[in-house]
Amino acid sequence: MLAAGKGKRMKSDIPKVLHNICYQPIIYYILTSAFKLNPKNLFVVIGHKAEKIKEFLSSNFPGAIPVIQENQLGTAHAVSMLKSCSGELGDTCLVMPGDIPLISYSTLRKVANTMEQSGNPAVVLTALVDNPYGYGRVIKDDKSNILRIVEESDASESEKKINEINSSIYCFETKPLFSYLEKISSKNSQNEFYLTDIIENFIGAKQKVSCISVQDSFEIEGINDRVALAKLEKIMQSKINETLMAGGVTIRDPGTCYISAEVEISRDTVVEPFCFIKGKTKIGNACVIGPFTQITDSIIGDCTKIYNSVIIGSIVGKANNIGPSSYLRPGTQTSENVKIGAACEIKKSRIRKNSKVPHLSYIGDADIGENVNIGAATVTCNFDGFFKNKTVIGDNVFIGSDTMLVAPVKIGKDAITAAGSVISVDVPDNSLAIERSKQKNIENGALRFREKKEKQKKET
């Protein structure tokens, strides 16, 4: 896989192959398809910002072996970086670019099968397109045998009218590949060593090169700028959404839902418009997601409803009701039949079944039992300026509205806290905790207060 280029037209400090499509780098999709072939080894030739690509490969595709191309002198030069590793490639090797995210496993399999069945030493994958500008043209004889490939910058006017293009995907017998690479010259308009020139070496040696065409030309479209990035992301997102819908998921408006390829959504779930679902997220059966919901790296149980909320790194149980406008931060776990209502924030907390945090509350570093009701505007005061502290709430507890739970603190089973209390001492089981100053009503105090203020206004 050739992924050493800078991608100048991207105008970015990020290597081209690490730009994202549907929340994953471009190269993620190509590697995923390539590894399905079960190759003996998979080498990735890298150069520009090599360390960033190495880091991605190490974390996501440890089986991919990076090979450095210090100077980017063309595609043939990139392949020649593997000469010392040629013994690890097997008898045949597949060569492909790292910037074609829509390439499918089935197409790569077809190239490999053609190589095996044809008995020829090389196979080229081509495509028929309406606008061939920028691509190498495939030159054939009158019997449709491939003769050579001519790059756009070196093509004649008549050759530029040819609409069969090179995909930059090849399969070669390994031994002649590296033998012919040594014969390739850089005498062309770009002063680069083109891998396309190797076709003439095979033909010149009286060896036939097989030529097969991809069924859907969008599969081999590369990315050179942000416009192409957006175009292919739209196609990729459509493919992802169509796959989910074919599996029994309802997506109300596929054009407004952005879902990454690794997301799993079970049947009869409904995804409303303007949802963003990504990472290692799994959503169960018969859920309702959205609208305007964001879910990342989370597990959502069956029959859960989530409205206009953000959920990151959380495990949500069955039949939960979340939102609108709530935020579940990493480490949140809820059990069955939990309600997290409007404008709540939950962080690194566990909430057991049948418990409710209905609205306007912050729950952080807490362990909440079953059948608990958390009153509006309750806050677990978990940070003392130095350490995060834990709040533990037992089963069947009622927390009155606007209660401040100053952690570390424990509320026993079946206890009640009165509204407006600041609880900083443990509350025993079955106790009623009240912490308030005595209310004082001053007769005609409001009248005197207003008179005082009106006098101050006149004086100023």
Foldseek 3Di string as FASTA:
>chain_A
DEQADQLVQAVDLDRQQQDDFLRGGLLVQVVVLVCVVVFLAAEYEHERVVVVVVVVCVVPPVRYHYFYDPDCQEDLSSVLSCVVVLVSRPQKHKWAHRFQNLAHSVVVVVQVVCCVPVVFFKEFEKAFDPQCPQFWAFDADPVRFTQFTHGNQADDPVRNPHRIGTLRIMMGRSVVSNVLSVVFFLPDPSSGGYSRRSSNVCVVVVTGYHYHYDPDVSSSDGDSYVVVSVVVSQVVLVVQVVVQVVQAEAEPDSNQEREHNQEAEHHLEYEYGNEREYENEYEYHNEYHEDLEYEYCEYHEYHEYEYCEYAYQEYHEYNEYYDDHEYEEHLEYEYYCEYEYYHEYEENEYAYHCEYNHEQEYHYQEYAEHNEYAEHNEYEQQDPPPGGFYEYEYYCEYEYANEYEDPPEYEEANEYEHHPYDDDYYHYHNYYHYHDDDDDDDVCPVVVVVVVVVVVVVVD
